[in-house]
Amino acid sequence: MDRNRGPERPASQFDEDDYCFGSGPLRLRVERVHWDSPVEYRGDLWYEVDGMEVSSLGHQVGRRRVMIRARCLTSLPSNRRQ
């Protein structure tokens, strides 16, 4: 039995141009940002991000690891560098 871990973190939405690789907007419940390994790509700074993809209705789609443009990560809820 899982213990109560409290409320789930809200999902963030990223435009297609702000993450690699996929099509259409991405809704992701961000769990970890790999702050220690930035990547320069397409003339911008990107970070590898782990999380749970969710549908527009809030249903879990599956685990994802994606590259997300750095400027899009500054407004995440509870943005902490861990």
PDB file of N, CA and C in Angstrom:
ATOM      1  N   MET A   1       0.842  -1.177   0.000  1.00  0.00           N
ATOM      2  CA  MET A   1       0.000   0.000   0.000  1.00  0.00           C
ATOM      3  C   MET A   1       0.889   1.243   0.000  1.00  0.00           C
ATOM      4  N   ASP A   2       0.642   2.162  -0.928  1.00  0.00           N
ATOM      5  CA  ASP A   2       1.402   3.401  -0.969  1.00  0.00           C
ATOM      6  C   ASP A   2       0.915   4.354   0.100  1.00  0.00           C
ATOM      7  N   ARG A   3       1.872   5.028   0.702  1.00  0.00           N
ATOM      8  CA  ARG A   3       1.481   6.028   1.689  1.00  0.00           C
ATOM      9  C   ARG A   3       1.013   7.289   0.972  1.00  0.00           C
ATOM     10  N   ASN A   4       0.275   8.107   1.655  1.00  0.00           N
ATOM     11  CA  ASN A   4      -0.217   9.353   1.082  1.00  0.00           C
ATOM     12  C   ASN A   4       0.956  10.301   0.897  1.00  0.00           C
ATOM     13  N   ARG A   5       1.219  10.672  -0.336  1.00  0.00           N
ATOM     14  CA  ARG A   5       2.344  11.553  -0.633  1.00  0.00           C
ATOM     15  C   ARG A   5       1.898  13.001  -0.804  1.00  0.00           C
ATOM     16  N   GLY A   6       0.664  13.287  -0.534  1.00  0.00           N
ATOM     17  CA  GLY A   6       0.170  14.650  -0.668  1.00  0.00           C
ATOM     18  C   GLY A   6      -0.330  14.921  -2.080  1.00  0.00           C
ATOM     19  N   PRO A   7      -0.684  16.166  -2.353  1.00  0.00           N
ATOM     20  CA  PRO A   7      -1.240  16.497  -3.667  1.00  0.00           C
ATOM     21  C   PRO A   7      -0.184  16.364  -4.763  1.00  0.00           C
ATOM     22  N   GLU A   8      -0.647  15.995  -5.945  1.00  0.00           N
ATOM     23  CA  GLU A   8       0.265  15.874  -7.072  1.00  0.00           C
ATOM     24  C   GLU A   8       0.638  17.250  -7.597  1.00  0.00           C
ATOM     25  N   ARG A   9       1.834  17.360  -8.059  1.00  0.00           N
ATOM     26  CA  ARG A   9       2.326  18.596  -8.665  1.00  0.00           C
ATOM     27  C   ARG A   9       1.495  18.880  -9.919  1.00  0.00           C
ATOM     28  N   PRO A  10       1.162  20.136 -10.175  1.00  0.00           N
ATOM     29  CA  PRO A  10       0.386  20.443 -11.382  1.00  0.00           C
ATOM     30  C   PRO A  10       1.217  20.183 -12.644  1.00  0.00           C
ATOM     31  N   ALA A  11       0.540  19.900 -13.733  1.00  0.00           N
ATOM     32  CA  ALA A  11       1.223  19.681 -15.009  1.00  0.00           C
ATOM     33  C   ALA A  11       1.520  21.028 -15.656  1.00  0.00           C
ATOM     34  N   SER A  12       2.668  21.116 -16.274  1.00  0.00           N
ATOM     35  CA  SER A  12       3.051  22.303 -17.042  1.00  0.00           C
ATOM     36  C   SER A  12       2.878  21.985 -18.510  1.00  0.00           C
ATOM     37  N   GLN A  13       2.530  22.990 -19.286  1.00  0.00           N
ATOM     38  CA  GLN A  13       2.368  22.779 -20.728  1.00  0.00           C
ATOM     39  C   GLN A  13       3.504  23.464 -21.462  1.00  0.00           C
ATOM     40  N   PHE A  14       4.100  22.739 -22.410  1.00  0.00           N
ATOM     41  CA  PHE A  14       5.202  23.248 -23.208  1.00  0.00           C
ATOM     42  C   PHE A  14       4.809  23.209 -24.681  1.00  0.00           C
ATOM     43  N   ASP A  15       5.056  24.317 -25.390  1.00  0.00           N
ATOM     44  CA  ASP A  15       4.774  24.372 -26.821  1.00  0.00           C
ATOM     45  C   ASP A  15       5.734  23.459 -27.573  1.00  0.00           C
ATOM     46  N   GLU A  16       5.339  23.046 -28.742  1.00  0.00           N
ATOM     47  CA  GLU A  16       6.140  22.135 -29.556  1.00  0.00           C
ATOM     48  C   GLU A  16       7.560  22.657 -29.795  1.00  0.00           C
ATOM     49  N   ASP A  17       7.719  23.956 -29.967  1.00  0.00           N
ATOM     50  CA  ASP A  17       9.043  24.542 -30.212  1.00  0.00           C
ATOM     51  C   ASP A  17       9.917  24.596 -28.960  1.00  0.00           C
ATOM     52  N   ASP A  18       9.346  24.331 -27.796  1.00  0.00           N
ATOM     53  CA  ASP A  18      10.081  24.462 -26.541  1.00  0.00           C
ATOM     54  C   ASP A  18      10.509  23.143 -25.927  1.00  0.00           C
ATOM     55  N   TYR A  19      10.282  22.025 -26.633  1.00  0.00           N
ATOM     56  CA  TYR A  19      10.781  20.737 -26.153  1.00  0.00           C
ATOM     57  C   TYR A  19      11.204  19.877 -27.340  1.00  0.00           C
ATOM     58  N   CYS A  20      12.058  18.900 -27.069  1.00  0.00           N
ATOM     59  CA  CYS A  20      12.543  17.963 -28.086  1.00  0.00           C
ATOM     60  C   CYS A  20      12.235  16.568 -27.588  1.00  0.00           C
ATOM     61  N   PHE A  21      11.751  15.716 -28.227  1.00  0.00           N
ATOM     62  CA  PHE A  21      11.266  15.668 -29.586  1.00  0.00           C
ATOM     63  C   PHE A  21       9.852  15.164 -29.508  1.00  0.00           C
ATOM     64  N   GLY A  22       8.978  15.747 -30.284  1.00  0.00           N
ATOM     65  CA  GLY A  22       7.582  15.371 -30.296  1.00  0.00           C
ATOM     66  C   GLY A  22       6.810  16.350 -31.148  1.00  0.00           C
ATOM     67  N   SER A  23       5.510  16.171 -31.182  1.00  0.00           N
ATOM     68  CA  SER A  23       4.687  17.098 -31.955  1.00  0.00           C
ATOM     69  C   SER A  23       3.499  17.530 -31.115  1.00  0.00           C
ATOM     70  N   GLY A  24       3.128  18.774 -31.298  1.00  0.00           N
ATOM     71  CA  GLY A  24       2.018  19.339 -30.537  1.00  0.00           C
ATOM     72  C   GLY A  24       2.458  19.732 -29.137  1.00  0.00           C
ATOM     73  N   PRO A  25       1.565  20.336 -28.376  1.00  0.00           N
ATOM     74  CA  PRO A  25       1.906  20.740 -27.008  1.00  0.00           C
ATOM     75  C   PRO A  25       2.137  19.517 -26.115  1.00  0.00           C
ATOM     76  N   LEU A  26       3.009  19.683 -25.143  1.00  0.00           N
ATOM     77  CA  LEU A  26       3.318  18.615 -24.186  1.00  0.00           C
ATOM     78  C   LEU A  26       2.867  19.056 -22.802  1.00  0.00           C
ATOM     79  N   ARG A  27       2.050  18.232 -22.160  1.00  0.00           N
ATOM     80  CA  ARG A  27       1.646  18.476 -20.775  1.00  0.00           C
ATOM     81  C   ARG A  27       2.431  17.499 -19.918  1.00  0.00           C
ATOM     82  N   LEU A  28       3.257  18.050 -19.019  1.00  0.00           N
ATOM     83  CA  LEU A  28       4.178  17.217 -18.261  1.00  0.00           C
ATOM     84  C   LEU A  28       4.165  17.613 -16.794  1.00  0.00           C
ATOM     85  N   ARG A  29       4.019  16.623 -15.941  1.00  0.00           N
ATOM     86  CA  ARG A  29       4.169  16.831 -14.505  1.00  0.00           C
ATOM     87  C   ARG A  29       5.658  16.629 -14.222  1.00  0.00           C
ATOM     88  N   VAL A  30       6.398  17.730 -14.140  1.00  0.00           N
ATOM     89  CA  VAL A  30       7.851  17.691 -14.013  1.00  0.00           C
ATOM     90  C   VAL A  30       8.244  17.128 -12.653  1.00  0.00           C
ATOM     91  N   GLU A  31       9.118  16.116 -12.693  1.00  0.00           N
ATOM     92  CA  GLU A  31       9.605  15.494 -11.461  1.00  0.00           C
ATOM     93  C   GLU A  31      11.061  15.816 -11.193  1.00  0.00           C
ATOM     94  N   ARG A  32      11.850  15.967 -12.266  1.00  0.00           N
ATOM     95  CA  ARG A  32      13.266  16.256 -12.069  1.00  0.00           C
ATOM     96  C   ARG A  32      13.822  16.994 -13.268  1.00  0.00           C
ATOM     97  N   VAL A  33      14.580  18.033 -12.992  1.00  0.00           N
ATOM     98  CA  VAL A  33      15.325  18.751 -14.019  1.00  0.00           C
ATOM     99  C   VAL A  33      16.803  18.457 -13.775  1.00  0.00           C
ATOM    100  N   HIS A  34      17.514  18.066 -14.786  1.00  0.00           N
ATOM    101  CA  HIS A  34      18.940  17.760 -14.671  1.00  0.00           C
ATOM    102  C   HIS A  34      19.736  19.061 -14.836  1.00  0.00           C
ATOM    103  N   TRP A  35      19.723  19.878 -13.785  1.00  0.00           N
ATOM    104  CA  TRP A  35      20.342  21.197 -13.812  1.00  0.00           C
ATOM    105  C   TRP A  35      21.847  21.140 -14.050  1.00  0.00           C
ATOM    106  N   ASP A  36      22.484  20.028 -13.695  1.00  0.00           N
ATOM    107  CA  ASP A  36      23.944  19.934 -13.790  1.00  0.00           C
ATOM    108  C   ASP A  36      24.451  19.611 -15.196  1.00  0.00           C
ATOM    109  N   SER A  37      23.551  19.419 -16.149  1.00  0.00           N
ATOM    110  CA  SER A  37      24.011  19.068 -17.505  1.00  0.00           C
ATOM    111  C   SER A  37      23.236  19.814 -18.589  1.00  0.00           C
ATOM    112  N   PRO A  38      23.401  21.136 -18.673  1.00  0.00           N
ATOM    113  CA  PRO A  38      22.730  21.886 -19.738  1.00  0.00           C
ATOM    114  C   PRO A  38      23.307  21.517 -21.102  1.00  0.00           C
ATOM    115  N   VAL A  39      22.488  21.678 -22.132  1.00  0.00           N
ATOM    116  CA  VAL A  39      22.891  21.365 -23.503  1.00  0.00           C
ATOM    117  C   VAL A  39      22.605  22.590 -24.370  1.00  0.00           C
ATOM    118  N   GLU A  40      23.585  22.967 -25.194  1.00  0.00           N
ATOM    119  CA  GLU A  40      23.329  24.039 -26.151  1.00  0.00           C
ATOM    120  C   GLU A  40      22.816  23.400 -27.436  1.00  0.00           C
ATOM    121  N   TYR A  41      21.640  23.850 -27.870  1.00  0.00           N
ATOM    122  CA  TYR A  41      20.988  23.276 -29.041  1.00  0.00           C
ATOM    123  C   TYR A  41      20.162  24.358 -29.714  1.00  0.00           C
ATOM    124  N   ARG A  42      20.234  24.424 -31.018  1.00  0.00           N
ATOM    125  CA  ARG A  42      19.501  25.435 -31.787  1.00  0.00           C
ATOM    126  C   ARG A  42      19.747  26.847 -31.257  1.00  0.00           C
ATOM    127  N   GLY A  43      20.968  27.117 -30.803  1.00  0.00           N
ATOM    128  CA  GLY A  43      21.326  28.452 -30.333  1.00  0.00           C
ATOM    129  C   GLY A  43      20.724  28.834 -29.000  1.00  0.00           C
ATOM    130  N   ASP A  44      20.276  27.865 -28.229  1.00  0.00           N
ATOM    131  CA  ASP A  44      19.645  28.143 -26.937  1.00  0.00           C
ATOM    132  C   ASP A  44      20.107  27.104 -25.924  1.00  0.00           C
ATOM    133  N   LEU A  45      19.815  27.337 -24.652  1.00  0.00           N
ATOM    134  CA  LEU A  45      20.172  26.414 -23.581  1.00  0.00           C
ATOM    135  C   LEU A  45      18.970  25.537 -23.243  1.00  0.00           C
ATOM    136  N   TRP A  46      19.199  24.225 -23.116  1.00  0.00           N
ATOM    137  CA  TRP A  46      18.150  23.237 -22.858  1.00  0.00           C
ATOM    138  C   TRP A  46      18.574  22.353 -21.697  1.00  0.00           C
ATOM    139  N   TYR A  47      17.581  21.764 -21.004  1.00  0.00           N
ATOM    140  CA  TYR A  47      17.844  20.817 -19.923  1.00  0.00           C
ATOM    141  C   TYR A  47      17.039  19.545 -20.136  1.00  0.00           C
ATOM    142  N   GLU A  48      17.629  18.433 -19.727  1.00  0.00           N
ATOM    143  CA  GLU A  48      16.915  17.164 -19.741  1.00  0.00           C
ATOM    144  C   GLU A  48      15.964  17.150 -18.542  1.00  0.00           C
ATOM    145  N   VAL A  49      14.726  16.722 -18.778  1.00  0.00           N
ATOM    146  CA  VAL A  49      13.677  16.750 -17.760  1.00  0.00           C
ATOM    147  C   VAL A  49      12.983  15.397 -17.711  1.00  0.00           C
ATOM    148  N   ASP A  50      12.750  14.886 -16.508  1.00  0.00           N
ATOM    149  CA  ASP A  50      11.993  13.651 -16.296  1.00  0.00           C
ATOM    150  C   ASP A  50      10.633  14.019 -15.726  1.00  0.00           C
ATOM    151  N   GLY A  51       9.604  13.307 -16.156  1.00  0.00           N
ATOM    152  CA  GLY A  51       8.288  13.574 -15.611  1.00  0.00           C
ATOM    153  C   GLY A  51       7.239  12.610 -16.131  1.00  0.00           C
ATOM    154  N   MET A  52       6.002  12.912 -15.779  1.00  0.00           N
ATOM    155  CA  MET A  52       4.856  12.110 -16.191  1.00  0.00           C
ATOM    156  C   MET A  52       4.041  12.936 -17.183  1.00  0.00           C
ATOM    157  N   GLU A  53       3.906  12.426 -18.393  1.00  0.00           N
ATOM    158  CA  GLU A  53       3.062  13.092 -19.380  1.00  0.00           C
ATOM    159  C   GLU A  53       1.611  12.858 -19.006  1.00  0.00           C
ATOM    160  N   VAL A  54       0.797  13.907 -19.125  1.00  0.00           N
ATOM    161  CA  VAL A  54      -0.630  13.791 -18.827  1.00  0.00           C
ATOM    162  C   VAL A  54      -1.434  14.322 -20.012  1.00  0.00           C
ATOM    163  N   SER A  55      -2.623  13.769 -20.180  1.00  0.00           N
ATOM    164  CA  SER A  55      -3.500  14.207 -21.271  1.00  0.00           C
ATOM    165  C   SER A  55      -4.155  15.540 -20.905  1.00  0.00           C
ATOM    166  N   SER A  56      -4.868  16.109 -21.862  1.00  0.00           N
ATOM    167  CA  SER A  56      -5.565  17.375 -21.603  1.00  0.00           C
ATOM    168  C   SER A  56      -6.644  17.217 -20.536  1.00  0.00           C
ATOM    169  N   LEU A  57      -7.072  15.970 -20.292  1.00  0.00           N
ATOM    170  CA  LEU A  57      -8.071  15.706 -19.250  1.00  0.00           C
ATOM    171  C   LEU A  57      -7.427  15.346 -17.910  1.00  0.00           C
ATOM    172  N   GLY A  58      -6.089  15.324 -17.887  1.00  0.00           N
ATOM    173  CA  GLY A  58      -5.389  15.049 -16.640  1.00  0.00           C
ATOM    174  C   GLY A  58      -5.058  13.590 -16.391  1.00  0.00           C
ATOM    175  N   HIS A  59      -5.319  12.726 -17.376  1.00  0.00           N
ATOM    176  CA  HIS A  59      -5.004  11.294 -17.229  1.00  0.00           C
ATOM    177  C   HIS A  59      -3.527  11.049 -17.519  1.00  0.00           C
ATOM    178  N   GLN A  60      -2.905  10.165 -16.761  1.00  0.00           N
ATOM    179  CA  GLN A  60      -1.506   9.833 -16.981  1.00  0.00           C
ATOM    180  C   GLN A  60      -1.341   9.096 -18.307  1.00  0.00           C
ATOM    181  N   VAL A  61      -0.394   9.560 -19.121  1.00  0.00           N
ATOM    182  CA  VAL A  61      -0.087   8.932 -20.401  1.00  0.00           C
ATOM    183  C   VAL A  61       1.109   7.999 -20.228  1.00  0.00           C
ATOM    184  N   GLY A  62       2.126   8.468 -19.525  1.00  0.00           N
ATOM    185  CA  GLY A  62       3.318   7.654 -19.306  1.00  0.00           C
ATOM    186  C   GLY A  62       4.513   8.509 -18.945  1.00  0.00           C
ATOM    187  N   ARG A  63       5.581   7.854 -18.541  1.00  0.00           N
ATOM    188  CA  ARG A  63       6.802   8.549 -18.159  1.00  0.00           C
ATOM    189  C   ARG A  63       7.479   9.096 -19.409  1.00  0.00           C
ATOM    190  N   ARG A  64       8.075  10.286 -19.276  1.00  0.00           N
ATOM    191  CA  ARG A  64       8.789  10.915 -20.399  1.00  0.00           C
ATOM    192  C   ARG A  64      10.089  11.507 -19.902  1.00  0.00           C
ATOM    193  N   ARG A  65      11.091  11.465 -20.753  1.00  0.00           N
ATOM    194  CA  ARG A  65      12.336  12.213 -20.560  1.00  0.00           C
ATOM    195  C   ARG A  65      12.489  13.041 -21.821  1.00  0.00           C
ATOM    196  N   VAL A  66      12.517  14.359 -21.661  1.00  0.00           N
ATOM    197  CA  VAL A  66      12.577  15.272 -22.799  1.00  0.00           C
ATOM    198  C   VAL A  66      13.588  16.368 -22.524  1.00  0.00           C
ATOM    199  N   MET A  67      14.003  17.043 -23.582  1.00  0.00           N
ATOM    200  CA  MET A  67      14.822  18.238 -23.474  1.00  0.00           C
ATOM    201  C   MET A  67      13.868  19.429 -23.558  1.00  0.00           C
ATOM    202  N   ILE A  68      13.990  20.339 -22.589  1.00  0.00           N
ATOM    203  CA  ILE A  68      13.113  21.516 -22.556  1.00  0.00           C
ATOM    204  C   ILE A  68      13.975  22.771 -22.516  1.00  0.00           C
ATOM    205  N   ARG A  69      13.558  23.756 -23.298  1.00  0.00           N
ATOM    206  CA  ARG A  69      14.258  25.043 -23.373  1.00  0.00           C
ATOM    207  C   ARG A  69      14.336  25.663 -21.972  1.00  0.00           C
ATOM    208  N   ALA A  70      15.518  26.128 -21.597  1.00  0.00           N
ATOM    209  CA  ALA A  70      15.777  26.634 -20.243  1.00  0.00           C
ATOM    210  C   ALA A  70      14.803  27.731 -19.818  1.00  0.00           C
ATOM    211  N   ARG A  71      14.522  28.663 -20.709  1.00  0.00           N
ATOM    212  CA  ARG A  71      13.649  29.787 -20.313  1.00  0.00           C
ATOM    213  C   ARG A  71      12.233  29.336 -19.945  1.00  0.00           C
ATOM    214  N   CYS A  72      11.839  28.151 -20.390  1.00  0.00           N
ATOM    215  CA  CYS A  72      10.511  27.626 -20.074  1.00  0.00           C
ATOM    216  C   CYS A  72      10.474  26.975 -18.693  1.00  0.00           C
ATOM    217  N   LEU A  73      11.620  26.721 -18.108  1.00  0.00           N
ATOM    218  CA  LEU A  73      11.674  26.054 -16.810  1.00  0.00           C
ATOM    219  C   LEU A  73      11.680  27.032 -15.649  1.00  0.00           C
ATOM    220  N   THR A  74      11.872  28.310 -15.899  1.00  0.00           N
ATOM    221  CA  THR A  74      11.959  29.283 -14.811  1.00  0.00           C
ATOM    222  C   THR A  74      10.613  29.553 -14.141  1.00  0.00           C
ATOM    223  N   SER A  75       9.525  29.247 -14.824  1.00  0.00           N
ATOM    224  CA  SER A  75       8.199  29.539 -14.262  1.00  0.00           C
ATOM    225  C   SER A  75       7.493  28.284 -13.744  1.00  0.00           C
ATOM    226  N   LEU A  76       8.231  27.190 -13.561  1.00  0.00           N
ATOM    227  CA  LEU A  76       7.599  25.970 -13.057  1.00  0.00           C
ATOM    228  C   LEU A  76       7.119  26.164 -11.630  1.00  0.00           C
ATOM    229  N   PRO A  77       5.998  25.552 -11.255  1.00  0.00           N
ATOM    230  CA  PRO A  77       5.566  25.579  -9.857  1.00  0.00           C
ATOM    231  C   PRO A  77       6.609  24.893  -8.996  1.00  0.00           C
ATOM    232  N   SER A  78       6.915  25.455  -7.851  1.00  0.00           N
ATOM    233  CA  SER A  78       7.893  24.888  -6.919  1.00  0.00           C
ATOM    234  C   SER A  78       9.219  24.606  -7.622  1.00  0.00           C
ATOM    235  N   ASN A  79       9.677  25.560  -8.394  1.00  0.00           N
ATOM    236  CA  ASN A  79      10.923  25.382  -9.136  1.00  0.00           C
ATOM    237  C   ASN A  79      12.105  25.437  -8.167  1.00  0.00           C
ATOM    238  N   ARG A  80      12.657  24.267  -7.889  1.00  0.00           N
ATOM    239  CA  ARG A  80      13.812  24.167  -7.014  1.00  0.00           C
ATOM    240  C   ARG A  80      14.903  23.407  -7.730  1.00  0.00           C
ATOM    241  N   ARG A  81      16.120  23.873  -7.602  1.00  0.00           N
ATOM    242  CA  ARG A  81      17.250  23.160  -8.206  1.00  0.00           C
ATOM    243  C   ARG A  81      17.705  22.101  -7.238  1.00  0.00           C
ATOM    244  N   GLN A  82      17.475  20.854  -7.599  1.00  0.00           N
ATOM    245  CA  GLN A  82      17.870  19.724  -6.737  1.00  0.00           C
ATOM    246  C   GLN A  82      18.902  18.901  -7.421  1.00  0.00           C
TER     247      GLN A  82
END
